[in-house]
Amino acid sequence: MPQVWSLIGELAAFERLSHAVTGSAEALAEHLGKHFYCFVCLEGDETVGYCLGFNTYSTFRTQPGLWLEDLYVTPSRRGQGHGKAMLQFLIDWCAREGFGRLEWSVLDWNVGAIGFYERMGATLLPDWRICRVSF
């Protein structure tokens, strides 16, 4: 989890949200498997990316789903197929687990990610906005 925590810091900086990071690698490790799934992308012994998600449920489909909270590849390793491999792995994993949906959000200014997701077959839902209550 320390390597994933480091990548989370990179992601926060990229999204201009470093000020919102209040957690720790220790808390992340404590919650792994209880509250979320995490898969890492390795290049040799180096962690170059990760995807992290948690369970959701669709009442309309009466099926569990997965919310993809983060999909991140460190900038120096982008364009080498790591993101595509992780997303395809997650799609296949969700299908094997019997999930009905894999969902996530993307910042509207992140045109690189939007194009990537569309090329991977994702549909951006124009009518839906994410709402949040934080404590």
N, C-alpha and C. Protein backbone atom coordinates (compact mmCIF):
# COMPACT_ATOMS: atom_id res chain seq x y z
N MET A 1 0.79 -1.21 0.00
CA MET A 1 0.00 0.00 0.00
C MET A 1 0.84 1.28 0.00
N PRO A 2 2.06 1.27 0.50
CA PRO A 2 2.84 2.52 0.42
C PRO A 2 3.04 3.01 -1.02
N GLN A 3 3.27 2.07 -1.95
CA GLN A 3 3.44 2.48 -3.35
C GLN A 3 2.13 3.03 -3.91
N VAL A 4 1.02 2.40 -3.59
CA VAL A 4 -0.28 2.89 -4.06
C VAL A 4 -0.55 4.26 -3.45
N TRP A 5 -0.23 4.44 -2.16
CA TRP A 5 -0.44 5.72 -1.51
C TRP A 5 0.36 6.82 -2.21
N SER A 6 1.57 6.50 -2.61
CA SER A 6 2.39 7.46 -3.34
C SER A 6 1.73 7.85 -4.67
N LEU A 7 1.19 6.85 -5.38
CA LEU A 7 0.50 7.13 -6.63
C LEU A 7 -0.77 7.93 -6.41
N ILE A 8 -1.45 7.70 -5.29
CA ILE A 8 -2.63 8.50 -4.95
C ILE A 8 -2.23 9.97 -4.81
N GLY A 9 -1.08 10.22 -4.21
CA GLY A 9 -0.57 11.59 -4.11
C GLY A 9 -0.32 12.20 -5.47
N GLU A 10 0.24 11.41 -6.40
CA GLU A 10 0.44 11.88 -7.77
C GLU A 10 -0.89 12.22 -8.44
N LEU A 11 -1.88 11.33 -8.25
CA LEU A 11 -3.19 11.56 -8.84
C LEU A 11 -3.82 12.84 -8.29
N ALA A 12 -3.73 13.03 -6.98
CA ALA A 12 -4.30 14.24 -6.37
C ALA A 12 -3.65 15.49 -6.94
N ALA A 13 -2.33 15.45 -7.12
CA ALA A 13 -1.64 16.61 -7.70
C ALA A 13 -2.10 16.85 -9.14
N PHE A 14 -2.23 15.78 -9.93
CA PHE A 14 -2.69 15.90 -11.31
C PHE A 14 -4.08 16.50 -11.38
N GLU A 15 -4.96 16.08 -10.47
CA GLU A 15 -6.34 16.58 -10.46
C GLU A 15 -6.47 17.92 -9.73
N ARG A 16 -5.35 18.47 -9.31
CA ARG A 16 -5.32 19.75 -8.58
C ARG A 16 -6.11 19.65 -7.27
N LEU A 17 -5.99 18.51 -6.61
CA LEU A 17 -6.75 18.27 -5.38
C LEU A 17 -5.86 17.83 -4.22
N SER A 18 -4.58 18.14 -4.27
CA SER A 18 -3.68 17.74 -3.18
C SER A 18 -4.17 18.22 -1.82
N HIS A 19 -4.79 19.39 -1.80
CA HIS A 19 -5.30 19.95 -0.55
C HIS A 19 -6.39 19.09 0.09
N ALA A 20 -7.01 18.22 -0.70
CA ALA A 20 -8.12 17.40 -0.20
C ALA A 20 -7.64 16.06 0.39
N VAL A 21 -6.37 15.74 0.25
CA VAL A 21 -5.84 14.46 0.74
C VAL A 21 -5.63 14.56 2.24
N THR A 22 -6.36 13.74 2.99
CA THR A 22 -6.25 13.75 4.45
C THR A 22 -5.97 12.37 5.03
N GLY A 23 -5.89 11.36 4.20
CA GLY A 23 -5.71 9.99 4.68
C GLY A 23 -4.26 9.62 4.88
N SER A 24 -4.03 8.31 4.96
CA SER A 24 -2.68 7.79 5.18
C SER A 24 -2.55 6.42 4.55
N ALA A 25 -1.32 6.02 4.28
CA ALA A 25 -1.05 4.68 3.77
C ALA A 25 -1.51 3.62 4.75
N GLU A 26 -1.39 3.90 6.03
CA GLU A 26 -1.80 2.94 7.06
C GLU A 26 -3.30 2.71 7.03
N ALA A 27 -4.08 3.77 6.91
CA ALA A 27 -5.54 3.62 6.84
C ALA A 27 -5.93 2.90 5.56
N LEU A 28 -5.24 3.21 4.47
CA LEU A 28 -5.52 2.53 3.20
C LEU A 28 -5.31 1.03 3.37
N ALA A 29 -4.19 0.64 3.95
CA ALA A 29 -3.89 -0.78 4.15
C ALA A 29 -4.91 -1.43 5.07
N GLU A 30 -5.36 -0.72 6.08
CA GLU A 30 -6.34 -1.25 7.03
C GLU A 30 -7.68 -1.53 6.35
N HIS A 31 -8.05 -0.70 5.37
CA HIS A 31 -9.36 -0.83 4.72
C HIS A 31 -9.37 -1.77 3.52
N LEU A 32 -8.18 -2.13 3.02
CA LEU A 32 -8.08 -3.01 1.85
C LEU A 32 -8.79 -4.33 2.12
N GLY A 33 -9.65 -4.71 1.20
CA GLY A 33 -10.37 -5.98 1.34
C GLY A 33 -11.64 -5.87 2.15
N LYS A 34 -11.72 -4.91 3.04
CA LYS A 34 -12.94 -4.70 3.84
C LYS A 34 -13.89 -3.74 3.12
N HIS A 35 -13.31 -2.70 2.56
CA HIS A 35 -14.12 -1.63 1.97
C HIS A 35 -13.83 -1.37 0.50
N PHE A 36 -12.74 -1.90 -0.01
CA PHE A 36 -12.42 -1.65 -1.42
C PHE A 36 -11.51 -2.74 -1.96
N TYR A 37 -11.48 -2.79 -3.28
CA TYR A 37 -10.57 -3.66 -4.03
C TYR A 37 -9.48 -2.77 -4.60
N CYS A 38 -8.28 -3.30 -4.72
CA CYS A 38 -7.20 -2.56 -5.34
C CYS A 38 -6.35 -3.53 -6.16
N PHE A 39 -6.11 -3.16 -7.40
CA PHE A 39 -5.25 -3.93 -8.29
C PHE A 39 -4.11 -3.02 -8.74
N VAL A 40 -2.91 -3.56 -8.77
CA VAL A 40 -1.76 -2.75 -9.16
C VAL A 40 -1.22 -3.22 -10.50
N CYS A 41 -0.58 -2.31 -11.18
CA CYS A 41 0.09 -2.59 -12.45
C CYS A 41 1.58 -2.52 -12.19
N LEU A 42 2.25 -3.62 -12.45
CA LEU A 42 3.68 -3.70 -12.20
C LEU A 42 4.45 -3.71 -13.52
N GLU A 43 5.57 -3.04 -13.51
CA GLU A 43 6.54 -3.13 -14.59
C GLU A 43 7.82 -3.58 -13.91
N GLY A 44 8.13 -4.85 -14.05
CA GLY A 44 9.21 -5.42 -13.24
C GLY A 44 8.79 -5.41 -11.79
N ASP A 45 9.59 -4.82 -10.94
CA ASP A 45 9.26 -4.70 -9.51
C ASP A 45 8.62 -3.36 -9.17
N GLU A 46 8.45 -2.50 -10.17
CA GLU A 46 7.95 -1.16 -9.92
C GLU A 46 6.44 -1.07 -10.11
N THR A 47 5.76 -0.47 -9.15
CA THR A 47 4.32 -0.21 -9.27
C THR A 47 4.16 1.05 -10.10
N VAL A 48 3.58 0.90 -11.30
CA VAL A 48 3.45 2.04 -12.21
C VAL A 48 2.01 2.52 -12.35
N GLY A 49 1.08 1.80 -11.74
CA GLY A 49 -0.31 2.22 -11.80
C GLY A 49 -1.16 1.38 -10.86
N TYR A 50 -2.39 1.82 -10.70
CA TYR A 50 -3.33 1.08 -9.86
C TYR A 50 -4.75 1.41 -10.27
N CYS A 51 -5.65 0.53 -9.92
CA CYS A 51 -7.08 0.83 -10.00
C CYS A 51 -7.70 0.39 -8.68
N LEU A 52 -8.62 1.19 -8.22
CA LEU A 52 -9.22 0.98 -6.90
C LEU A 52 -10.72 1.21 -7.02
N GLY A 53 -11.51 0.28 -6.50
CA GLY A 53 -12.95 0.40 -6.59
C GLY A 53 -13.66 -0.25 -5.42
N PHE A 54 -14.94 -0.01 -5.35
CA PHE A 54 -15.75 -0.58 -4.26
C PHE A 54 -17.11 -0.98 -4.79
N ASN A 55 -17.79 -1.84 -4.04
CA ASN A 55 -19.08 -2.37 -4.46
C ASN A 55 -20.18 -1.32 -4.48
N THR A 56 -21.06 -1.47 -5.45
CA THR A 56 -22.30 -0.71 -5.54
C THR A 56 -23.42 -1.73 -5.76
N TYR A 57 -24.63 -1.25 -5.87
CA TYR A 57 -25.74 -2.16 -6.16
C TYR A 57 -26.77 -1.43 -7.01
N SER A 58 -27.27 -2.11 -8.04
CA SER A 58 -28.31 -1.57 -8.90
C SER A 58 -29.65 -2.22 -8.54
N THR A 59 -30.55 -1.42 -8.05
CA THR A 59 -31.89 -1.95 -7.74
C THR A 59 -32.65 -2.28 -9.02
N PHE A 60 -32.42 -1.53 -10.08
CA PHE A 60 -33.12 -1.80 -11.34
C PHE A 60 -32.65 -3.12 -11.95
N ARG A 61 -31.38 -3.39 -11.88
CA ARG A 61 -30.83 -4.63 -12.44
C ARG A 61 -30.80 -5.75 -11.41
N THR A 62 -30.98 -5.41 -10.15
CA THR A 62 -30.82 -6.33 -9.01
C THR A 62 -29.51 -7.10 -9.13
N GLN A 63 -28.45 -6.32 -9.33
CA GLN A 63 -27.11 -6.88 -9.44
C GLN A 63 -26.11 -5.97 -8.74
N PRO A 64 -25.06 -6.56 -8.20
CA PRO A 64 -23.99 -5.72 -7.68
C PRO A 64 -23.23 -5.08 -8.82
N GLY A 65 -22.51 -4.05 -8.49
CA GLY A 65 -21.67 -3.38 -9.46
C GLY A 65 -20.39 -2.95 -8.79
N LEU A 66 -19.54 -2.30 -9.55
CA LEU A 66 -18.29 -1.78 -9.00
C LEU A 66 -18.15 -0.33 -9.41
N TRP A 67 -17.86 0.51 -8.43
CA TRP A 67 -17.53 1.90 -8.69
C TRP A 67 -16.02 2.00 -8.74
N LEU A 68 -15.50 2.45 -9.88
CA LEU A 68 -14.07 2.64 -10.05
C LEU A 68 -13.72 4.03 -9.53
N GLU A 69 -13.13 4.07 -8.37
CA GLU A 69 -12.77 5.35 -7.75
C GLU A 69 -11.54 5.95 -8.43
N ASP A 70 -10.53 5.13 -8.68
CA ASP A 70 -9.30 5.60 -9.31
C ASP A 70 -8.81 4.61 -10.34
N LEU A 71 -8.34 5.12 -11.45
CA LEU A 71 -7.54 4.38 -12.41
C LEU A 71 -6.40 5.32 -12.75
N TYR A 72 -5.19 4.94 -12.38
CA TYR A 72 -4.07 5.88 -12.52
C TYR A 72 -2.82 5.15 -12.99
N VAL A 73 -2.14 5.79 -13.93
CA VAL A 73 -0.83 5.34 -14.39
C VAL A 73 0.11 6.54 -14.25
N THR A 74 1.26 6.31 -13.65
CA THR A 74 2.22 7.39 -13.47
C THR A 74 2.60 7.99 -14.84
N PRO A 75 2.75 9.31 -14.92
CA PRO A 75 2.93 9.97 -16.22
C PRO A 75 4.05 9.39 -17.09
N SER A 76 5.15 8.98 -16.50
CA SER A 76 6.26 8.46 -17.31
C SER A 76 5.96 7.12 -17.95
N ARG A 77 4.88 6.47 -17.54
CA ARG A 77 4.53 5.16 -18.09
C ARG A 77 3.25 5.19 -18.93
N ARG A 78 2.69 6.37 -19.15
CA ARG A 78 1.47 6.48 -19.95
C ARG A 78 1.79 6.23 -21.42
N GLY A 79 0.77 5.79 -22.16
CA GLY A 79 0.93 5.55 -23.57
C GLY A 79 1.59 4.22 -23.90
N GLN A 80 1.78 3.38 -22.89
CA GLN A 80 2.43 2.08 -23.07
C GLN A 80 1.45 0.92 -22.91
N GLY A 81 0.16 1.23 -22.76
CA GLY A 81 -0.85 0.18 -22.66
C GLY A 81 -1.22 -0.23 -21.25
N HIS A 82 -0.61 0.39 -20.24
CA HIS A 82 -0.89 0.00 -18.86
C HIS A 82 -2.34 0.32 -18.46
N GLY A 83 -2.81 1.51 -18.80
CA GLY A 83 -4.18 1.89 -18.47
C GLY A 83 -5.19 0.99 -19.16
N LYS A 84 -4.95 0.72 -20.43
CA LYS A 84 -5.83 -0.16 -21.19
C LYS A 84 -5.85 -1.55 -20.57
N ALA A 85 -4.68 -2.06 -20.21
CA ALA A 85 -4.61 -3.40 -19.61
C ALA A 85 -5.34 -3.44 -18.28
N MET A 86 -5.18 -2.40 -17.45
CA MET A 86 -5.87 -2.39 -16.16
C MET A 86 -7.38 -2.30 -16.33
N LEU A 87 -7.84 -1.42 -17.23
CA LEU A 87 -9.28 -1.28 -17.41
C LEU A 87 -9.87 -2.56 -18.00
N GLN A 88 -9.19 -3.17 -18.96
CA GLN A 88 -9.69 -4.42 -19.53
C GLN A 88 -9.70 -5.53 -18.48
N PHE A 89 -8.66 -5.59 -17.64
CA PHE A 89 -8.63 -6.56 -16.55
C PHE A 89 -9.84 -6.35 -15.64
N LEU A 90 -10.12 -5.10 -15.29
CA LEU A 90 -11.23 -4.80 -14.39
C LEU A 90 -12.58 -5.15 -15.03
N ILE A 91 -12.74 -4.85 -16.30
CA ILE A 91 -13.97 -5.20 -17.03
C ILE A 91 -14.16 -6.72 -16.99
N ASP A 92 -13.11 -7.46 -17.32
CA ASP A 92 -13.19 -8.93 -17.31
C ASP A 92 -13.46 -9.47 -15.92
N TRP A 93 -12.80 -8.89 -14.92
CA TRP A 93 -12.97 -9.32 -13.53
C TRP A 93 -14.41 -9.09 -13.08
N CYS A 94 -14.96 -7.93 -13.39
CA CYS A 94 -16.35 -7.62 -13.02
C CYS A 94 -17.31 -8.61 -13.68
N ALA A 95 -17.08 -8.93 -14.94
CA ALA A 95 -17.94 -9.88 -15.64
C ALA A 95 -17.87 -11.26 -14.97
N ARG A 96 -16.65 -11.70 -14.62
CA ARG A 96 -16.50 -13.01 -13.95
C ARG A 96 -17.17 -13.02 -12.58
N GLU A 97 -17.14 -11.89 -11.88
CA GLU A 97 -17.73 -11.79 -10.54
C GLU A 97 -19.26 -11.65 -10.58
N GLY A 98 -19.83 -11.49 -11.77
CA GLY A 98 -21.27 -11.37 -11.90
C GLY A 98 -21.80 -9.96 -11.67
N PHE A 99 -20.93 -8.97 -11.75
CA PHE A 99 -21.37 -7.59 -11.59
C PHE A 99 -22.13 -7.15 -12.83
N GLY A 100 -23.11 -6.31 -12.64
CA GLY A 100 -23.90 -5.81 -13.75
C GLY A 100 -23.37 -4.52 -14.33
N ARG A 101 -22.53 -3.81 -13.58
CA ARG A 101 -22.03 -2.52 -14.03
C ARG A 101 -20.63 -2.26 -13.49
N LEU A 102 -19.89 -1.53 -14.26
CA LEU A 102 -18.66 -0.89 -13.82
C LEU A 102 -18.85 0.58 -14.15
N GLU A 103 -18.76 1.42 -13.14
CA GLU A 103 -19.03 2.85 -13.34
C GLU A 103 -17.92 3.68 -12.72
N TRP A 104 -17.76 4.89 -13.22
CA TRP A 104 -16.79 5.82 -12.67
C TRP A 104 -17.12 7.21 -13.15
N SER A 105 -16.39 8.17 -12.63
CA SER A 105 -16.55 9.55 -13.09
C SER A 105 -15.22 10.02 -13.68
N VAL A 106 -15.29 11.07 -14.46
CA VAL A 106 -14.10 11.68 -15.03
C VAL A 106 -14.30 13.19 -15.01
N LEU A 107 -13.24 13.91 -14.67
CA LEU A 107 -13.33 15.37 -14.67
C LEU A 107 -13.54 15.87 -16.09
N ASP A 108 -14.42 16.85 -16.24
CA ASP A 108 -14.78 17.30 -17.59
C ASP A 108 -13.62 17.92 -18.36
N TRP A 109 -12.59 18.37 -17.68
CA TRP A 109 -11.45 18.96 -18.36
C TRP A 109 -10.39 17.93 -18.76
N ASN A 110 -10.55 16.68 -18.31
CA ASN A 110 -9.54 15.65 -18.57
C ASN A 110 -9.82 14.97 -19.91
N VAL A 111 -9.58 15.72 -20.99
CA VAL A 111 -9.93 15.23 -22.33
C VAL A 111 -9.15 13.98 -22.71
N GLY A 112 -7.92 13.84 -22.22
CA GLY A 112 -7.15 12.63 -22.50
C GLY A 112 -7.83 11.40 -21.94
N ALA A 113 -8.28 11.49 -20.69
CA ALA A 113 -8.97 10.36 -20.06
C ALA A 113 -10.32 10.11 -20.73
N ILE A 114 -11.04 11.16 -21.07
CA ILE A 114 -12.34 10.99 -21.72
C ILE A 114 -12.18 10.24 -23.03
N GLY A 115 -11.22 10.65 -23.84
CA GLY A 115 -10.96 9.96 -25.10
C GLY A 115 -10.57 8.51 -24.89
N PHE A 116 -9.73 8.25 -23.90
CA PHE A 116 -9.32 6.89 -23.57
C PHE A 116 -10.52 6.04 -23.20
N TYR A 117 -11.38 6.55 -22.31
CA TYR A 117 -12.54 5.79 -21.88
C TYR A 117 -13.50 5.51 -23.04
N GLU A 118 -13.69 6.49 -23.89
CA GLU A 118 -14.57 6.29 -25.05
C GLU A 118 -13.98 5.23 -25.99
N ARG A 119 -12.66 5.27 -26.20
CA ARG A 119 -12.03 4.24 -27.04
C ARG A 119 -12.16 2.85 -26.43
N MET A 120 -12.26 2.78 -25.12
CA MET A 120 -12.42 1.49 -24.43
C MET A 120 -13.88 1.04 -24.41
N GLY A 121 -14.78 1.82 -25.00
CA GLY A 121 -16.18 1.43 -25.10
C GLY A 121 -17.10 2.03 -24.06
N ALA A 122 -16.59 2.95 -23.25
CA ALA A 122 -17.42 3.57 -22.22
C ALA A 122 -18.36 4.61 -22.83
N THR A 123 -19.51 4.73 -22.23
CA THR A 123 -20.48 5.76 -22.59
C THR A 123 -20.49 6.81 -21.50
N LEU A 124 -20.29 8.07 -21.86
CA LEU A 124 -20.39 9.15 -20.88
C LEU A 124 -21.86 9.54 -20.78
N LEU A 125 -22.38 9.53 -19.58
CA LEU A 125 -23.80 9.79 -19.35
C LEU A 125 -24.02 11.29 -19.15
N PRO A 126 -24.58 11.98 -20.14
CA PRO A 126 -24.70 13.44 -20.05
C PRO A 126 -25.75 13.93 -19.07
N ASP A 127 -26.71 13.09 -18.73
CA ASP A 127 -27.80 13.54 -17.88
C ASP A 127 -27.53 13.37 -16.39
N TRP A 128 -26.45 12.71 -16.02
CA TRP A 128 -26.18 12.39 -14.62
C TRP A 128 -25.04 13.24 -14.08
N ARG A 129 -25.22 13.71 -12.88
CA ARG A 129 -24.17 14.43 -12.16
C ARG A 129 -23.96 13.74 -10.82
N ILE A 130 -22.77 13.79 -10.33
CA ILE A 130 -22.45 13.15 -9.07
C ILE A 130 -22.75 14.12 -7.93
N CYS A 131 -23.42 13.64 -6.92
CA CYS A 131 -23.69 14.42 -5.71
C CYS A 131 -22.92 13.77 -4.57
N ARG A 132 -22.51 14.60 -3.61
CA ARG A 132 -21.70 14.08 -2.51
C ARG A 132 -22.02 14.82 -1.23
N VAL A 133 -22.09 14.07 -0.13
CA VAL A 133 -22.11 14.63 1.22
C VAL A 133 -20.84 14.11 1.89
N SER A 134 -20.00 15.01 2.36
CA SER A 134 -18.75 14.61 3.03
C SER A 134 -18.86 14.90 4.50
N PHE A 135 -18.21 14.07 5.31
CA PHE A 135 -18.23 14.24 6.76
C PHE A 135 -16.84 14.44 7.30
